[in-house]
PDB file of N, CA and C in Angstrom:
ATOM      1  N   MET A   1       9.064 -28.228 -55.963  1.00  0.00           N
ATOM      2  CA  MET A   1       9.382 -28.068 -56.972  1.00  0.00           C
ATOM      3  C   MET A   1      10.021 -26.935 -57.125  1.00  0.00           C
ATOM      4  N   PRO A   2      11.683 -26.697 -57.125  1.00  0.00           N
ATOM      5  CA  PRO A   2      11.686 -25.144 -57.689  1.00  0.00           C
ATOM      6  C   PRO A   2      11.812 -25.216 -59.163  1.00  0.00           C
ATOM      7  N   LEU A   3      11.264 -24.018 -59.593  1.00  0.00           N
ATOM      8  CA  LEU A   3      10.686 -23.616 -60.989  1.00  0.00           C
ATOM      9  C   LEU A   3      11.851 -24.196 -61.957  1.00  0.00           C
ATOM     10  N   ILE A   4      13.311 -24.399 -61.931  1.00  0.00           N
ATOM     11  CA  ILE A   4      14.291 -24.091 -62.256  1.00  0.00           C
ATOM     12  C   ILE A   4      14.522 -26.031 -62.693  1.00  0.00           C
ATOM     13  N   ASP A   5      14.223 -26.619 -61.700  1.00  0.00           N
ATOM     14  CA  ASP A   5      14.102 -27.857 -61.401  1.00  0.00           C
ATOM     15  C   ASP A   5      13.493 -28.743 -62.582  1.00  0.00           C
ATOM     16  N   SER A   6      12.319 -27.437 -63.447  1.00  0.00           N
ATOM     17  CA  SER A   6      10.763 -28.700 -63.918  1.00  0.00           C
ATOM     18  C   SER A   6      11.212 -28.163 -65.019  1.00  0.00           C
ATOM     19  N   LEU A   7      12.399 -27.814 -65.264  1.00  0.00           N
ATOM     20  CA  LEU A   7      12.598 -27.553 -67.097  1.00  0.00           C
ATOM     21  C   LEU A   7      13.772 -28.006 -66.928  1.00  0.00           C
ATOM     22  N   PRO A   8      13.815 -28.655 -68.657  1.00  0.00           N
ATOM     23  CA  PRO A   8      14.949 -29.401 -69.193  1.00  0.00           C
ATOM     24  C   PRO A   8      16.003 -28.404 -68.546  1.00  0.00           C
ATOM     25  N   PRO A   9      17.047 -29.497 -68.636  1.00  0.00           N
ATOM     26  CA  PRO A   9      18.425 -28.752 -67.911  1.00  0.00           C
ATOM     27  C   PRO A   9      18.615 -27.456 -69.361  1.00  0.00           C
ATOM     28  N   ALA A  10      19.389 -27.586 -70.405  1.00  0.00           N
ATOM     29  CA  ALA A  10      19.501 -26.844 -70.826  1.00  0.00           C
ATOM     30  C   ALA A  10      19.131 -25.285 -71.221  1.00  0.00           C
ATOM     31  N   LEU A  11      17.515 -25.696 -71.135  1.00  0.00           N
ATOM     32  CA  LEU A  11      16.715 -24.398 -71.026  1.00  0.00           C
ATOM     33  C   LEU A  11      17.091 -23.344 -69.967  1.00  0.00           C
ATOM     34  N   GLY A  12      16.907 -24.632 -68.251  1.00  0.00           N
ATOM     35  CA  GLY A  12      17.009 -23.715 -66.963  1.00  0.00           C
ATOM     36  C   GLY A  12      18.509 -22.698 -67.357  1.00  0.00           C
ATOM     37  N   TRP A  13      19.549 -23.402 -67.876  1.00  0.00           N
ATOM     38  CA  TRP A  13      20.621 -22.744 -67.623  1.00  0.00           C
ATOM     39  C   TRP A  13      20.541 -22.038 -68.530  1.00  0.00           C
ATOM     40  N   GLY A  14      19.895 -21.979 -69.776  1.00  0.00           N
ATOM     41  CA  GLY A  14      19.891 -20.719 -70.586  1.00  0.00           C
ATOM     42  C   GLY A  14      19.159 -19.227 -69.664  1.00  0.00           C
ATOM     43  N   LEU A  15      17.928 -20.095 -69.236  1.00  0.00           N
ATOM     44  CA  LEU A  15      17.526 -18.785 -68.285  1.00  0.00           C
ATOM     45  C   LEU A  15      18.187 -17.846 -67.626  1.00  0.00           C
ATOM     46  N   ALA A  16      19.221 -18.788 -67.033  1.00  0.00           N
ATOM     47  CA  ALA A  16      19.639 -18.235 -65.707  1.00  0.00           C
ATOM     48  C   ALA A  16      20.753 -17.709 -66.432  1.00  0.00           C
ATOM     49  N   GLY A  17      21.470 -17.937 -67.789  1.00  0.00           N
ATOM     50  CA  GLY A  17      22.379 -16.708 -68.005  1.00  0.00           C
ATOM     51  C   GLY A  17      21.844 -16.286 -68.675  1.00  0.00           C
ATOM     52  N   ALA A  18      20.690 -15.519 -69.334  1.00  0.00           N
ATOM     53  CA  ALA A  18      19.799 -14.433 -70.108  1.00  0.00           C
ATOM     54  C   ALA A  18      19.773 -13.684 -68.339  1.00  0.00           C
ATOM     55  N   VAL A  19      19.237 -14.009 -68.101  1.00  0.00           N
ATOM     56  CA  VAL A  19      18.825 -13.640 -66.691  1.00  0.00           C
ATOM     57  C   VAL A  19      20.061 -12.767 -65.920  1.00  0.00           C
ATOM     58  N   LEU A  20      21.234 -13.715 -66.230  1.00  0.00           N
ATOM     59  CA  LEU A  20      22.324 -13.029 -65.231  1.00  0.00           C
ATOM     60  C   LEU A  20      22.943 -12.173 -66.347  1.00  0.00           C
ATOM     61  N   VAL A  21      23.267 -12.218 -67.931  1.00  0.00           N
ATOM     62  CA  VAL A  21      23.263 -10.974 -68.590  1.00  0.00           C
ATOM     63  C   VAL A  21      22.829  -9.701 -68.788  1.00  0.00           C
ATOM     64  N   ALA A  22      21.060  -9.693 -68.488  1.00  0.00           N
ATOM     65  CA  ALA A  22      20.412  -8.897 -68.469  1.00  0.00           C
ATOM     66  C   ALA A  22      20.949  -7.778 -67.361  1.00  0.00           C
ATOM     67  N   ASN A  23      20.847  -8.391 -66.088  1.00  0.00           N
ATOM     68  CA  ASN A  23      21.674  -7.671 -64.831  1.00  0.00           C
ATOM     69  C   ASN A  23      22.889  -7.326 -65.074  1.00  0.00           C
ATOM     70  N   LEU A  24      23.583  -7.731 -65.662  1.00  0.00           N
ATOM     71  CA  LEU A  24      24.999  -7.084 -66.111  1.00  0.00           C
ATOM     72  C   LEU A  24      25.001  -6.559 -67.318  1.00  0.00           C
ATOM     73  N   TRP A  25      24.285  -6.082 -67.838  1.00  0.00           N
ATOM     74  CA  TRP A  25      23.820  -5.129 -68.368  1.00  0.00           C
ATOM     75  C   TRP A  25      23.137  -4.363 -67.749  1.00  0.00           C
ATOM     76  N   GLY A  26      22.508  -4.226 -67.461  1.00  0.00           N
ATOM     77  CA  GLY A  26      21.450  -3.246 -66.689  1.00  0.00           C
ATOM     78  C   GLY A  26      22.166  -2.463 -65.687  1.00  0.00           C
ATOM     79  N   PHE A  27      23.188  -3.345 -64.920  1.00  0.00           N
ATOM     80  CA  PHE A  27      24.166  -2.513 -64.191  1.00  0.00           C
ATOM     81  C   PHE A  27      25.486  -1.745 -64.715  1.00  0.00           C
ATOM     82  N   ALA A  28      25.939  -2.130 -65.686  1.00  0.00           N
ATOM     83  CA  ALA A  28      26.678  -1.464 -66.788  1.00  0.00           C
ATOM     84  C   ALA A  28      26.308  -0.148 -67.579  1.00  0.00           C
ATOM     85  N   GLN A  29      24.803  -0.472 -68.018  1.00  0.00           N
ATOM     86  CA  GLN A  29      24.220   1.227 -68.700  1.00  0.00           C
ATOM     87  C   GLN A  29      23.781   2.130 -67.181  1.00  0.00           C
ATOM     88  N   MET A  30      23.753   1.961 -65.859  1.00  0.00           N
ATOM     89  CA  MET A  30      23.659   2.997 -65.135  1.00  0.00           C
ATOM     90  C   MET A  30      24.903   3.073 -64.810  1.00  0.00           C
ATOM     91  N   GLY A  31      26.081   3.054 -65.328  1.00  0.00           N
ATOM     92  CA  GLY A  31      27.668   3.184 -64.482  1.00  0.00           C
ATOM     93  C   GLY A  31      27.538   3.785 -65.614  1.00  0.00           C
ATOM     94  N   TRP A  32      27.344   3.607 -67.075  1.00  0.00           N
ATOM     95  CA  TRP A  32      27.848   4.271 -68.281  1.00  0.00           C
ATOM     96  C   TRP A  32      26.946   5.658 -68.961  1.00  0.00           C
ATOM     97  N   ASP A  33      26.333   6.097 -68.213  1.00  0.00           N
ATOM     98  CA  ASP A  33      24.943   6.879 -68.676  1.00  0.00           C
ATOM     99  C   ASP A  33      25.639   8.168 -67.405  1.00  0.00           C
ATOM    100  N   LYS A  34      25.756   7.598 -66.503  1.00  0.00           N
ATOM    101  CA  LYS A  34      26.314   8.451 -65.094  1.00  0.00           C
ATOM    102  C   LYS A  34      27.520   8.909 -65.163  1.00  0.00           C
ATOM    103  N   ARG A  35      28.397   8.077 -66.652  1.00  0.00           N
ATOM    104  CA  ARG A  35      29.943   8.686 -66.938  1.00  0.00           C
ATOM    105  C   ARG A  35      29.382   9.767 -67.891  1.00  0.00           C
ATOM    106  N   LEU A  36      28.328   9.296 -68.640  1.00  0.00           N
ATOM    107  CA  LEU A  36      27.826  10.847 -69.744  1.00  0.00           C
ATOM    108  C   LEU A  36      27.519  11.595 -69.124  1.00  0.00           C
ATOM    109  N   ALA A  37      26.808  11.589 -68.190  1.00  0.00           N
ATOM    110  CA  ALA A  37      25.806  12.835 -67.577  1.00  0.00           C
ATOM    111  C   ALA A  37      27.507  13.465 -66.603  1.00  0.00           C
ATOM    112  N   ARG A  38      28.719  12.815 -66.384  1.00  0.00           N
ATOM    113  CA  ARG A  38      29.630  13.771 -65.861  1.00  0.00           C
ATOM    114  C   ARG A  38      30.176  14.951 -66.573  1.00  0.00           C
ATOM    115  N   LEU A  39      30.434  14.072 -67.802  1.00  0.00           N
ATOM    116  CA  LEU A  39      31.199  14.378 -69.050  1.00  0.00           C
ATOM    117  C   LEU A  39      30.151  15.277 -69.616  1.00  0.00           C
ATOM    118  N   ASP A  40      29.073  15.438 -69.497  1.00  0.00           N
ATOM    119  CA  ASP A  40      28.594  16.305 -70.314  1.00  0.00           C
ATOM    120  C   ASP A  40      27.857  15.996 -71.646  1.00  0.00           C
ATOM    121  N   ARG A  41      28.103  14.489 -72.130  1.00  0.00           N
ATOM    122  CA  ARG A  41      27.619  14.678 -72.980  1.00  0.00           C
ATOM    123  C   ARG A  41      26.323  13.681 -73.094  1.00  0.00           C
ATOM    124  N   ARG A  42      25.528  13.502 -74.021  1.00  0.00           N
ATOM    125  CA  ARG A  42      24.478  13.155 -75.073  1.00  0.00           C
ATOM    126  C   ARG A  42      24.327  11.380 -73.980  1.00  0.00           C
ATOM    127  N   ARG A  43      23.355  11.661 -73.452  1.00  0.00           N
ATOM    128  CA  ARG A  43      23.202  10.573 -72.287  1.00  0.00           C
ATOM    129  C   ARG A  43      21.703   9.477 -72.798  1.00  0.00           C
ATOM    130  N   LEU A  44      21.961   8.337 -72.488  1.00  0.00           N
ATOM    131  CA  LEU A  44      20.695   7.477 -72.801  1.00  0.00           C
ATOM    132  C   LEU A  44      19.376   7.730 -72.320  1.00  0.00           C
ATOM    133  N   THR A  45      18.864   7.398 -73.086  1.00  0.00           N
ATOM    134  CA  THR A  45      16.922   7.345 -72.587  1.00  0.00           C
ATOM    135  C   THR A  45      16.462   6.856 -71.031  1.00  0.00           C
ATOM    136  N   GLU A  46      15.551   7.453 -70.890  1.00  0.00           N
ATOM    137  CA  GLU A  46      15.461   6.665 -69.542  1.00  0.00           C
ATOM    138  C   GLU A  46      14.799   5.087 -70.192  1.00  0.00           C
ATOM    139  N   ALA A  47      13.994   4.908 -71.629  1.00  0.00           N
ATOM    140  CA  ALA A  47      13.065   3.792 -72.020  1.00  0.00           C
ATOM    141  C   ALA A  47      14.493   2.528 -72.030  1.00  0.00           C
ATOM    142  N   ARG A  48      15.278   3.504 -72.298  1.00  0.00           N
ATOM    143  CA  ARG A  48      16.820   2.542 -72.369  1.00  0.00           C
ATOM    144  C   ARG A  48      17.595   2.046 -71.142  1.00  0.00           C
ATOM    145  N   LEU A  49      17.457   2.872 -70.488  1.00  0.00           N
ATOM    146  CA  LEU A  49      18.499   2.399 -69.308  1.00  0.00           C
ATOM    147  C   LEU A  49      17.476   0.995 -68.552  1.00  0.00           C
ATOM    148  N   ARG A  50      15.662   1.736 -68.399  1.00  0.00           N
ATOM    149  CA  ARG A  50      14.799   0.262 -67.922  1.00  0.00           C
ATOM    150  C   ARG A  50      14.816  -0.802 -69.006  1.00  0.00           C
ATOM    151  N   ALA A  51      15.068  -1.131 -70.444  1.00  0.00           N
ATOM    152  CA  ALA A  51      15.133  -2.243 -71.276  1.00  0.00           C
ATOM    153  C   ALA A  51      15.377  -3.313 -70.510  1.00  0.00           C
ATOM    154  N   PRO A  52      16.705  -3.928 -69.434  1.00  0.00           N
ATOM    155  CA  PRO A  52      16.572  -5.099 -69.049  1.00  0.00           C
ATOM    156  C   PRO A  52      15.948  -5.584 -68.003  1.00  0.00           C
ATOM    157  N   ILE A  53      14.946  -4.592 -68.246  1.00  0.00           N
ATOM    158  CA  ILE A  53      13.964  -4.995 -66.988  1.00  0.00           C
ATOM    159  C   ILE A  53      12.979  -6.507 -67.130  1.00  0.00           C
ATOM    160  N   TRP A  54      12.620  -5.663 -68.511  1.00  0.00           N
ATOM    161  CA  TRP A  54      12.058  -7.002 -69.980  1.00  0.00           C
ATOM    162  C   TRP A  54      12.810  -8.472 -69.612  1.00  0.00           C
ATOM    163  N   ALA A  55      13.956  -8.334 -69.712  1.00  0.00           N
ATOM    164  CA  ALA A  55      15.218  -9.521 -69.439  1.00  0.00           C
ATOM    165  C   ALA A  55      14.983 -10.219 -68.320  1.00  0.00           C
ATOM    166  N   GLY A  56      14.689  -9.257 -67.417  1.00  0.00           N
ATOM    167  CA  GLY A  56      14.761 -10.146 -66.091  1.00  0.00           C
ATOM    168  C   GLY A  56      16.287  -9.261 -65.151  1.00  0.00           C
ATOM    169  N   GLY A  57      16.118  -8.159 -65.542  1.00  0.00           N
ATOM    170  CA  GLY A  57      17.578  -7.394 -65.066  1.00  0.00           C
ATOM    171  C   GLY A  57      17.382  -6.207 -63.954  1.00  0.00           C
ATOM    172  N   ALA A  58      15.597  -6.381 -63.232  1.00  0.00           N
ATOM    173  CA  ALA A  58      15.824  -5.430 -62.591  1.00  0.00           C
ATOM    174  C   ALA A  58      16.666  -5.504 -61.748  1.00  0.00           C
ATOM    175  N   PRO A  59      17.104  -6.627 -60.929  1.00  0.00           N
ATOM    176  CA  PRO A  59      18.005  -5.937 -59.803  1.00  0.00           C
ATOM    177  C   PRO A  59      19.699  -5.768 -60.281  1.00  0.00           C
ATOM    178  N   GLY A  60      20.041  -5.758 -61.497  1.00  0.00           N
ATOM    179  CA  GLY A  60      21.127  -5.593 -62.210  1.00  0.00           C
ATOM    180  C   GLY A  60      20.727  -3.942 -61.806  1.00  0.00           C
ATOM    181  N   ILE A  61      19.877  -3.252 -62.162  1.00  0.00           N
ATOM    182  CA  ILE A  61      19.432  -1.905 -62.774  1.00  0.00           C
ATOM    183  C   ILE A  61      19.492  -1.125 -61.326  1.00  0.00           C
ATOM    184  N   TRP A  62      18.944  -2.151 -60.369  1.00  0.00           N
ATOM    185  CA  TRP A  62      18.805  -1.718 -58.851  1.00  0.00           C
ATOM    186  C   TRP A  62      19.969  -1.458 -58.325  1.00  0.00           C
ATOM    187  N   PHE A  63      20.873  -2.131 -58.607  1.00  0.00           N
ATOM    188  CA  PHE A  63      22.528  -2.025 -57.809  1.00  0.00           C
ATOM    189  C   PHE A  63      22.714  -0.763 -58.252  1.00  0.00           C
ATOM    190  N   GLY A  64      22.608  -0.700 -59.959  1.00  0.00           N
ATOM    191  CA  GLY A  64      23.386   0.347 -60.806  1.00  0.00           C
ATOM    192  C   GLY A  64      23.289   1.592 -60.110  1.00  0.00           C
ATOM    193  N   MET A  65      21.868   1.559 -59.522  1.00  0.00           N
ATOM    194  CA  MET A  65      21.523   2.827 -59.334  1.00  0.00           C
ATOM    195  C   MET A  65      22.409   3.374 -57.837  1.00  0.00           C
ATOM    196  N   ARG A  66      22.005   2.455 -56.772  1.00  0.00           N
ATOM    197  CA  ARG A  66      22.863   2.089 -55.704  1.00  0.00           C
ATOM    198  C   ARG A  66      24.383   2.735 -55.527  1.00  0.00           C
ATOM    199  N   THR A  67      24.839   2.216 -56.708  1.00  0.00           N
ATOM    200  CA  THR A  67      26.604   1.846 -56.295  1.00  0.00           C
ATOM    201  C   THR A  67      26.943   3.236 -57.194  1.00  0.00           C
ATOM    202  N   PHE A  68      26.151   3.602 -58.574  1.00  0.00           N
ATOM    203  CA  PHE A  68      27.299   4.825 -59.211  1.00  0.00           C
ATOM    204  C   PHE A  68      25.378   6.679 -58.837  1.00  0.00           C
ATOM    205  N   ARG A  69      24.894   5.741 -57.733  1.00  0.00           N
ATOM    206  CA  ARG A  69      24.087   7.171 -57.363  1.00  0.00           C
ATOM    207  C   ARG A  69      23.743   7.761 -58.264  1.00  0.00           C
ATOM    208  N   HIS A  70      22.793   6.866 -59.182  1.00  0.00           N
ATOM    209  CA  HIS A  70      22.009   7.518 -60.927  1.00  0.00           C
ATOM    210  C   HIS A  70      20.615   7.164 -60.574  1.00  0.00           C
ATOM    211  N   LYS A  71      19.488   8.348 -61.076  1.00  0.00           N
ATOM    212  CA  LYS A  71      18.512   8.261 -60.641  1.00  0.00           C
ATOM    213  C   LYS A  71      17.745   7.949 -59.740  1.00  0.00           C
ATOM    214  N   SER A  72      18.772   7.597 -58.782  1.00  0.00           N
ATOM    215  CA  SER A  72      18.312   6.909 -57.265  1.00  0.00           C
ATOM    216  C   SER A  72      17.001   8.158 -56.589  1.00  0.00           C
ATOM    217  N   ALA A  73      17.216   9.575 -56.973  1.00  0.00           N
ATOM    218  CA  ALA A  73      16.988  10.723 -56.806  1.00  0.00           C
ATOM    219  C   ALA A  73      15.096  11.068 -57.674  1.00  0.00           C
ATOM    220  N   LYS A  74      15.295  10.710 -58.659  1.00  0.00           N
ATOM    221  CA  LYS A  74      14.894  11.175 -59.678  1.00  0.00           C
ATOM    222  C   LYS A  74      13.215  10.355 -59.432  1.00  0.00           C
ATOM    223  N   PRO A  75      12.177  10.941 -58.760  1.00  0.00           N
ATOM    224  CA  PRO A  75      10.981  10.077 -58.275  1.00  0.00           C
ATOM    225  C   PRO A  75       9.843   9.380 -60.335  1.00  0.00           C
ATOM    226  N   SER A  76      10.395  10.387 -61.007  1.00  0.00           N
ATOM    227  CA  SER A  76       9.996   9.640 -62.172  1.00  0.00           C
ATOM    228  C   SER A  76      10.532   8.722 -62.705  1.00  0.00           C
ATOM    229  N   PHE A  77      11.513   8.042 -62.518  1.00  0.00           N
ATOM    230  CA  PHE A  77      12.383   7.115 -63.348  1.00  0.00           C
ATOM    231  C   PHE A  77      11.956   5.935 -61.840  1.00  0.00           C
ATOM    232  N   GLN A  78      12.187   6.628 -60.990  1.00  0.00           N
ATOM    233  CA  GLN A  78      11.776   5.998 -59.867  1.00  0.00           C
ATOM    234  C   GLN A  78      10.044   5.156 -60.360  1.00  0.00           C
ATOM    235  N   ARG A  79       9.348   5.988 -60.014  1.00  0.00           N
ATOM    236  CA  ARG A  79       7.714   4.908 -60.824  1.00  0.00           C
ATOM    237  C   ARG A  79       8.021   4.590 -61.263  1.00  0.00           C
ATOM    238  N   ALA A  80       8.651   4.456 -62.623  1.00  0.00           N
ATOM    239  CA  ALA A  80       8.272   3.756 -63.966  1.00  0.00           C
ATOM    240  C   ALA A  80       9.420   2.433 -63.515  1.00  0.00           C
ATOM    241  N   PHE A  81      10.169   2.867 -63.304  1.00  0.00           N
ATOM    242  CA  PHE A  81      11.701   1.241 -62.621  1.00  0.00           C
ATOM    243  C   PHE A  81       9.918   0.458 -61.690  1.00  0.00           C
ATOM    244  N   TRP A  82       9.537   0.622 -60.836  1.00  0.00           N
ATOM    245  CA  TRP A  82       9.077  -0.100 -59.615  1.00  0.00           C
ATOM    246  C   TRP A  82       7.926  -0.506 -60.638  1.00  0.00           C
ATOM    247  N   LEU A  83       7.133   0.212 -61.563  1.00  0.00           N
ATOM    248  CA  LEU A  83       5.660  -0.472 -62.219  1.00  0.00           C
ATOM    249  C   LEU A  83       6.300  -1.223 -63.298  1.00  0.00           C
ATOM    250  N   GLN A  84       7.353  -1.142 -64.196  1.00  0.00           N
ATOM    251  CA  GLN A  84       7.495  -1.855 -64.869  1.00  0.00           C
ATOM    252  C   GLN A  84       8.190  -2.934 -64.372  1.00  0.00           C
ATOM    253  N   THR A  85       8.943  -3.048 -62.933  1.00  0.00           N
ATOM    254  CA  THR A  85       9.240  -4.228 -62.411  1.00  0.00           C
ATOM    255  C   THR A  85       8.399  -5.000 -61.871  1.00  0.00           C
ATOM    256  N   VAL A  86       7.125  -4.421 -61.438  1.00  0.00           N
ATOM    257  CA  VAL A  86       6.217  -5.669 -60.912  1.00  0.00           C
ATOM    258  C   VAL A  86       5.516  -5.981 -62.294  1.00  0.00           C
ATOM    259  N   LEU A  87       5.260  -5.535 -63.755  1.00  0.00           N
ATOM    260  CA  LEU A  87       4.210  -5.526 -64.677  1.00  0.00           C
ATOM    261  C   LEU A  87       5.525  -6.666 -65.002  1.00  0.00           C
ATOM    262  N   PHE A  88       6.246  -6.782 -64.796  1.00  0.00           N
ATOM    263  CA  PHE A  88       7.332  -7.425 -65.892  1.00  0.00           C
ATOM    264  C   PHE A  88       7.136  -9.123 -64.768  1.00  0.00           C
ATOM    265  N   LEU A  89       7.162  -8.685 -63.470  1.00  0.00           N
ATOM    266  CA  LEU A  89       7.146  -9.806 -62.885  1.00  0.00           C
ATOM    267  C   LEU A  89       5.683 -11.322 -62.940  1.00  0.00           C
ATOM    268  N   ALA A  90       5.079  -9.907 -62.869  1.00  0.00           N
ATOM    269  CA  ALA A  90       3.261 -10.574 -62.836  1.00  0.00           C
ATOM    270  C   ALA A  90       3.262 -11.134 -64.225  1.00  0.00           C
ATOM    271  N   LEU A  91       3.822 -10.688 -65.329  1.00  0.00           N
ATOM    272  CA  LEU A  91       3.941 -11.421 -66.465  1.00  0.00           C
ATOM    273  C   LEU A  91       5.132 -12.603 -66.532  1.00  0.00           C
ATOM    274  N   ALA A  92       5.707 -12.558 -66.073  1.00  0.00           N
ATOM    275  CA  ALA A  92       6.401 -13.862 -65.715  1.00  0.00           C
ATOM    276  C   ALA A  92       6.164 -15.040 -65.002  1.00  0.00           C
ATOM    277  N   GLY A  93       5.256 -13.949 -63.762  1.00  0.00           N
ATOM    278  CA  GLY A  93       4.504 -15.173 -63.111  1.00  0.00           C
ATOM    279  C   GLY A  93       3.399 -15.880 -63.823  1.00  0.00           C
ATOM    280  N   ALA A  94       2.841 -15.374 -64.469  1.00  0.00           N
ATOM    281  CA  ALA A  94       1.689 -15.633 -65.281  1.00  0.00           C
ATOM    282  C   ALA A  94       2.011 -16.865 -66.416  1.00  0.00           C
ATOM    283  N   ALA A  95       3.184 -16.398 -66.941  1.00  0.00           N
ATOM    284  CA  ALA A  95       3.752 -17.189 -68.029  1.00  0.00           C
ATOM    285  C   ALA A  95       4.496 -18.404 -67.532  1.00  0.00           C
ATOM    286  N   ALA A  96       4.808 -18.713 -65.981  1.00  0.00           N
ATOM    287  CA  ALA A  96       5.207 -19.668 -65.662  1.00  0.00           C
ATOM    288  C   ALA A  96       4.524 -20.719 -65.460  1.00  0.00           C
ATOM    289  N   TRP A  97       3.277 -19.603 -64.534  1.00  0.00           N
ATOM    290  CA  TRP A  97       1.879 -20.904 -64.326  1.00  0.00           C
ATOM    291  C   TRP A  97       0.973 -21.470 -65.641  1.00  0.00           C
ATOM    292  N   VAL A  98       1.180 -20.781 -66.307  1.00  0.00           N
ATOM    293  CA  VAL A  98       0.700 -21.081 -67.319  1.00  0.00           C
ATOM    294  C   VAL A  98       1.106 -22.531 -68.226  1.00  0.00           C
ATOM    295  N   LEU A  99       2.613 -22.445 -68.334  1.00  0.00           N
ATOM    296  CA  LEU A  99       3.734 -23.026 -68.640  1.00  0.00           C
ATOM    297  C   LEU A  99       3.862 -24.507 -68.074  1.00  0.00           C
ATOM    298  N   LEU A 100       3.695 -24.231 -66.787  1.00  0.00           N
ATOM    299  CA  LEU A 100       4.460 -25.378 -66.203  1.00  0.00           C
ATOM    300  C   LEU A 100       3.727 -26.167 -65.104  1.00  0.00           C
ATOM    301  N   ARG A 101       2.290 -25.655 -65.313  1.00  0.00           N
ATOM    302  CA  ARG A 101       0.922 -26.417 -64.465  1.00  0.00           C
ATOM    303  C   ARG A 101       0.663 -27.749 -64.841  1.00  0.00           C
TER     304      ARG A 101
END
């Protein structure tokens, strides 16, 4: 039984919608920060760029990095991105295991 099927319908759709918004937010932030960089304007902090990860937005950030070629070659950002993504997945998995068993 998939995780989303075991939730009440409204909650499942709400979670799916929140994750979609987080991914769009992460993707848009990567594009916006790249634009700011090209215009030589004040940039978003790396912590702010990674914030959508805590709402499930890591795929959106990853696609943004690839689409806009932004932060994809910076090792410190890559390490922090993957560490935070793994930590989020571990916490989300633990929460799902506790709540849905």
